[in-house]
Amino acid sequence: MRVDPMRRETSVPGIYAAGDLASRQQAAIFAAAAGTQAAAMLNLELTSELVLSGAL
């Protein structure tokens, strides 16, 4: 499985990964930063879907 380093989305659409799963760096601060980035990208994707569907 590949992980986009900017979006944190895996090669499976809609699945995001962070921390030890997505990188060889095993440090809590890197995992926390990657988790925050993954959450932001997921939020962007969900918000975009709502806007495009006319729900917002």
PDB file of N, CA and C in Angstrom:
ATOM      1  N   MET A   1       0.845  -1.162   0.000  1.00  0.00           N
ATOM      2  CA  MET A   1       0.000   0.000   0.000  1.00  0.00           C
ATOM      3  C   MET A   1       0.900   1.237   0.000  1.00  0.00           C
ATOM      4  N   ARG A   2       0.602   2.173  -0.858  1.00  0.00           N
ATOM      5  CA  ARG A   2       1.350   3.429  -0.931  1.00  0.00           C
ATOM      6  C   ARG A   2       0.552   4.540  -0.250  1.00  0.00           C
ATOM      7  N   VAL A   3       1.268   5.507   0.320  1.00  0.00           N
ATOM      8  CA  VAL A   3       0.638   6.647   0.982  1.00  0.00           C
ATOM      9  C   VAL A   3       1.179   7.920   0.356  1.00  0.00           C
ATOM     10  N   ASP A   4       0.266   8.781  -0.125  1.00  0.00           N
ATOM     11  CA  ASP A   4       0.663  10.079  -0.670  1.00  0.00           C
ATOM     12  C   ASP A   4       1.208  10.922   0.479  1.00  0.00           C
ATOM     13  N   PRO A   5       2.439  11.419   0.381  1.00  0.00           N
ATOM     14  CA  PRO A   5       3.044  12.144   1.503  1.00  0.00           C
ATOM     15  C   PRO A   5       2.386  13.489   1.821  1.00  0.00           C
ATOM     16  N   MET A   6       1.658  14.069   0.891  1.00  0.00           N
ATOM     17  CA  MET A   6       0.997  15.354   1.139  1.00  0.00           C
ATOM     18  C   MET A   6      -0.436  15.172   1.638  1.00  0.00           C
ATOM     19  N   ARG A   7      -1.175  14.292   0.988  1.00  0.00           N
ATOM     20  CA  ARG A   7      -2.586  14.101   1.333  1.00  0.00           C
ATOM     21  C   ARG A   7      -2.791  13.014   2.386  1.00  0.00           C
ATOM     22  N   ARG A   8      -1.815  12.141   2.565  1.00  0.00           N
ATOM     23  CA  ARG A   8      -1.880  11.012   3.495  1.00  0.00           C
ATOM     24  C   ARG A   8      -2.927   9.985   3.084  1.00  0.00           C
ATOM     25  N   GLU A   9      -3.421  10.090   1.836  1.00  0.00           N
ATOM     26  CA  GLU A   9      -4.374   9.101   1.333  1.00  0.00           C
ATOM     27  C   GLU A   9      -3.578   7.913   0.801  1.00  0.00           C
ATOM     28  N   THR A  10      -4.084   6.714   1.068  1.00  0.00           N
ATOM     29  CA  THR A  10      -3.409   5.517   0.587  1.00  0.00           C
ATOM     30  C   THR A  10      -3.774   5.249  -0.861  1.00  0.00           C
ATOM     31  N   SER A  11      -3.220   4.182  -1.408  1.00  0.00           N
ATOM     32  CA  SER A  11      -3.554   3.797  -2.781  1.00  0.00           C
ATOM     33  C   SER A  11      -4.988   3.279  -2.874  1.00  0.00           C
ATOM     34  N   VAL A  12      -5.647   3.106  -1.739  1.00  0.00           N
ATOM     35  CA  VAL A  12      -7.065   2.746  -1.691  1.00  0.00           C
ATOM     36  C   VAL A  12      -7.839   4.044  -1.454  1.00  0.00           C
ATOM     37  N   PRO A  13      -8.613   4.515  -2.428  1.00  0.00           N
ATOM     38  CA  PRO A  13      -9.311   5.795  -2.290  1.00  0.00           C
ATOM     39  C   PRO A  13     -10.171   5.851  -1.027  1.00  0.00           C
ATOM     40  N   GLY A  14     -10.076   6.980  -0.313  1.00  0.00           N
ATOM     41  CA  GLY A  14     -10.872   7.167   0.895  1.00  0.00           C
ATOM     42  C   GLY A  14     -10.252   6.603   2.158  1.00  0.00           C
ATOM     43  N   ILE A  15      -9.092   5.958   2.047  1.00  0.00           N
ATOM     44  CA  ILE A  15      -8.400   5.408   3.214  1.00  0.00           C
ATOM     45  C   ILE A  15      -7.138   6.228   3.438  1.00  0.00           C
ATOM     46  N   TYR A  16      -6.997   6.757   4.647  1.00  0.00           N
ATOM     47  CA  TYR A  16      -5.869   7.610   5.007  1.00  0.00           C
ATOM     48  C   TYR A  16      -5.002   6.904   6.040  1.00  0.00           C
ATOM     49  N   ALA A  17      -3.716   7.192   6.037  1.00  0.00           N
ATOM     50  CA  ALA A  17      -2.797   6.542   6.972  1.00  0.00           C
ATOM     51  C   ALA A  17      -1.810   7.565   7.523  1.00  0.00           C
ATOM     52  N   ALA A  18      -1.384   7.327   8.758  1.00  0.00           N
ATOM     53  CA  ALA A  18      -0.419   8.222   9.394  1.00  0.00           C
ATOM     54  C   ALA A  18       0.381   7.443  10.427  1.00  0.00           C
ATOM     55  N   GLY A  19       1.433   8.062  10.919  1.00  0.00           N
ATOM     56  CA  GLY A  19       2.233   7.456  11.970  1.00  0.00           C
ATOM     57  C   GLY A  19       3.120   6.333  11.471  1.00  0.00           C
ATOM     58  N   ASP A  20       3.360   5.361  12.335  1.00  0.00           N
ATOM     59  CA  ASP A  20       4.253   4.252  12.017  1.00  0.00           C
ATOM     60  C   ASP A  20       3.779   3.468  10.796  1.00  0.00           C
ATOM     61  N   LEU A  21       2.490   3.468  10.535  1.00  0.00           N
ATOM     62  CA  LEU A  21       1.936   2.743   9.390  1.00  0.00           C
ATOM     63  C   LEU A  21       2.369   3.363   8.066  1.00  0.00           C
ATOM     64  N   ALA A  22       2.542   4.679   8.056  1.00  0.00           N
ATOM     65  CA  ALA A  22       2.800   5.385   6.805  1.00  0.00           C
ATOM     66  C   ALA A  22       4.260   5.755   6.579  1.00  0.00           C
ATOM     67  N   SER A  23       5.093   5.582   7.570  1.00  0.00           N
ATOM     68  CA  SER A  23       6.467   6.037   7.462  1.00  0.00           C
ATOM     69  C   SER A  23       7.383   5.174   8.319  1.00  0.00           C
ATOM     70  N   ARG A  24       8.658   5.234   8.018  1.00  0.00           N
ATOM     71  CA  ARG A  24       9.630   4.499   8.831  1.00  0.00           C
ATOM     72  C   ARG A  24      10.019   5.271  10.084  1.00  0.00           C
ATOM     73  N   GLN A  25       9.639   6.535  10.147  1.00  0.00           N
ATOM     74  CA  GLN A  25       9.958   7.343  11.323  1.00  0.00           C
ATOM     75  C   GLN A  25       9.062   6.904  12.474  1.00  0.00           C
ATOM     76  N   GLN A  26       9.666   6.467  13.556  1.00  0.00           N
ATOM     77  CA  GLN A  26       8.890   5.984  14.690  1.00  0.00           C
ATOM     78  C   GLN A  26       9.044   6.941  15.864  1.00  0.00           C
ATOM     79  N   ALA A  27       8.426   8.071  15.772  1.00  0.00           N
ATOM     80  CA  ALA A  27       8.463   9.066  16.824  1.00  0.00           C
ATOM     81  C   ALA A  27       7.059   9.622  17.013  1.00  0.00           C
ATOM     82  N   ALA A  28       6.677   9.803  18.259  1.00  0.00           N
ATOM     83  CA  ALA A  28       5.318  10.255  18.562  1.00  0.00           C
ATOM     84  C   ALA A  28       5.006  11.604  17.920  1.00  0.00           C
ATOM     85  N   ILE A  29       5.949  12.519  17.891  1.00  0.00           N
ATOM     86  CA  ILE A  29       5.687  13.843  17.340  1.00  0.00           C
ATOM     87  C   ILE A  29       5.429  13.778  15.839  1.00  0.00           C
ATOM     88  N   PHE A  30       6.148  12.921  15.123  1.00  0.00           N
ATOM     89  CA  PHE A  30       5.907  12.743  13.685  1.00  0.00           C
ATOM     90  C   PHE A  30       4.554  12.086  13.446  1.00  0.00           C
ATOM     91  N   ALA A  31       4.203  11.103  14.276  1.00  0.00           N
ATOM     92  CA  ALA A  31       2.909  10.429  14.141  1.00  0.00           C
ATOM     93  C   ALA A  31       1.762  11.406  14.403  1.00  0.00           C
ATOM     94  N   ALA A  32       1.915  12.254  15.423  1.00  0.00           N
ATOM     95  CA  ALA A  32       0.875  13.233  15.733  1.00  0.00           C
ATOM     96  C   ALA A  32       0.710  14.237  14.595  1.00  0.00           C
ATOM     97  N   ALA A  33       1.822  14.694  14.043  1.00  0.00           N
ATOM     98  CA  ALA A  33       1.761  15.649  12.929  1.00  0.00           C
ATOM     99  C   ALA A  33       1.111  15.013  11.702  1.00  0.00           C
ATOM    100  N   ALA A  34       1.486  13.789  11.390  1.00  0.00           N
ATOM    101  CA  ALA A  34       0.912  13.102  10.234  1.00  0.00           C
ATOM    102  C   ALA A  34      -0.577  12.829  10.450  1.00  0.00           C
ATOM    103  N   GLY A  35      -0.965  12.503  11.674  1.00  0.00           N
ATOM    104  CA  GLY A  35      -2.383  12.285  11.982  1.00  0.00           C
ATOM    105  C   GLY A  35      -3.195  13.553  11.806  1.00  0.00           C
ATOM    106  N   THR A  36      -2.645  14.670  12.222  1.00  0.00           N
ATOM    107  CA  THR A  36      -3.315  15.964  12.038  1.00  0.00           C
ATOM    108  C   THR A  36      -3.464  16.284  10.560  1.00  0.00           C
ATOM    109  N   GLN A  37      -2.420  16.017   9.797  1.00  0.00           N
ATOM    110  CA  GLN A  37      -2.460  16.266   8.351  1.00  0.00           C
ATOM    111  C   GLN A  37      -3.492  15.360   7.681  1.00  0.00           C
ATOM    112  N   ALA A  38      -3.537  14.095   8.067  1.00  0.00           N
ATOM    113  CA  ALA A  38      -4.511  13.153   7.495  1.00  0.00           C
ATOM    114  C   ALA A  38      -5.936  13.601   7.828  1.00  0.00           C
ATOM    115  N   ALA A  39      -6.163  14.043   9.058  1.00  0.00           N
ATOM    116  CA  ALA A  39      -7.490  14.507   9.459  1.00  0.00           C
ATOM    117  C   ALA A  39      -7.910  15.738   8.661  1.00  0.00           C
ATOM    118  N   ALA A  40      -6.979  16.653   8.430  1.00  0.00           N
ATOM    119  CA  ALA A  40      -7.285  17.851   7.650  1.00  0.00           C
ATOM    120  C   ALA A  40      -7.658  17.488   6.217  1.00  0.00           C
ATOM    121  N   MET A  41      -6.945  16.546   5.626  1.00  0.00           N
ATOM    122  CA  MET A  41      -7.249  16.134   4.246  1.00  0.00           C
ATOM    123  C   MET A  41      -8.591  15.413   4.166  1.00  0.00           C
ATOM    124  N   LEU A  42      -8.889  14.593   5.159  1.00  0.00           N
ATOM    125  CA  LEU A  42     -10.178  13.900   5.189  1.00  0.00           C
ATOM    126  C   LEU A  42     -11.310  14.912   5.343  1.00  0.00           C
ATOM    127  N   ASN A  43     -11.123  15.902   6.215  1.00  0.00           N
ATOM    128  CA  ASN A  43     -12.117  16.956   6.388  1.00  0.00           C
ATOM    129  C   ASN A  43     -12.341  17.713   5.080  1.00  0.00           C
ATOM    130  N   LEU A  44     -11.261  18.025   4.379  1.00  0.00           N
ATOM    131  CA  LEU A  44     -11.372  18.714   3.093  1.00  0.00           C
ATOM    132  C   LEU A  44     -12.176  17.879   2.095  1.00  0.00           C
ATOM    133  N   GLU A  45     -11.880  16.586   2.035  1.00  0.00           N
ATOM    134  CA  GLU A  45     -12.592  15.710   1.100  1.00  0.00           C
ATOM    135  C   GLU A  45     -14.085  15.651   1.422  1.00  0.00           C
ATOM    136  N   LEU A  46     -14.425  15.471   2.696  1.00  0.00           N
ATOM    137  CA  LEU A  46     -15.834  15.381   3.086  1.00  0.00           C
ATOM    138  C   LEU A  46     -16.571  16.698   2.863  1.00  0.00           C
ATOM    139  N   THR A  47     -15.940  17.810   3.181  1.00  0.00           N
ATOM    140  CA  THR A  47     -16.551  19.120   2.973  1.00  0.00           C
ATOM    141  C   THR A  47     -16.762  19.381   1.488  1.00  0.00           C
ATOM    142  N   SER A  48     -15.793  19.011   0.663  1.00  0.00           N
ATOM    143  CA  SER A  48     -15.923  19.187  -0.781  1.00  0.00           C
ATOM    144  C   SER A  48     -17.088  18.389  -1.329  1.00  0.00           C
ATOM    145  N   GLU A  49     -17.275  17.167  -0.827  1.00  0.00           N
ATOM    146  CA  GLU A  49     -18.401  16.340  -1.277  1.00  0.00           C
ATOM    147  C   GLU A  49     -19.726  17.004  -0.932  1.00  0.00           C
ATOM    148  N   LEU A  50     -19.829  17.572   0.274  1.00  0.00           N
ATOM    149  CA  LEU A  50     -21.069  18.241   0.677  1.00  0.00           C
ATOM    150  C   LEU A  50     -21.347  19.472  -0.182  1.00  0.00           C
ATOM    151  N   VAL A  51     -20.323  20.243  -0.463  1.00  0.00           N
ATOM    152  CA  VAL A  51     -20.487  21.451  -1.267  1.00  0.00           C
ATOM    153  C   VAL A  51     -20.896  21.078  -2.687  1.00  0.00           C
ATOM    154  N   LEU A  52     -20.225  20.086  -3.269  1.00  0.00           N
ATOM    155  CA  LEU A  52     -20.538  19.682  -4.646  1.00  0.00           C
ATOM    156  C   LEU A  52     -21.909  19.049  -4.767  1.00  0.00           C
ATOM    157  N   SER A  53     -22.380  18.404  -3.698  1.00  0.00           N
ATOM    158  CA  SER A  53     -23.705  17.768  -3.748  1.00  0.00           C
ATOM    159  C   SER A  53     -24.823  18.773  -3.492  1.00  0.00           C
ATOM    160  N   GLY A  54     -24.450  19.998  -3.046  1.00  0.00           N
ATOM    161  CA  GLY A  54     -25.439  21.019  -2.783  1.00  0.00           C
ATOM    162  C   GLY A  54     -26.013  20.956  -1.376  1.00  0.00           C
ATOM    163  N   ALA A  55     -25.463  20.088  -0.533  1.00  0.00           N
ATOM    164  CA  ALA A  55     -25.955  19.953   0.837  1.00  0.00           C
ATOM    165  C   ALA A  55     -25.576  21.150   1.708  1.00  0.00           C
ATOM    166  N   LEU A  56     -24.544  21.872   1.313  1.00  0.00           N
ATOM    167  CA  LEU A  56     -24.129  23.078   2.078  1.00  0.00           C
ATOM    168  C   LEU A  56     -24.340  24.314   1.252  1.00  0.00           C
TER     169      LEU A  56
END
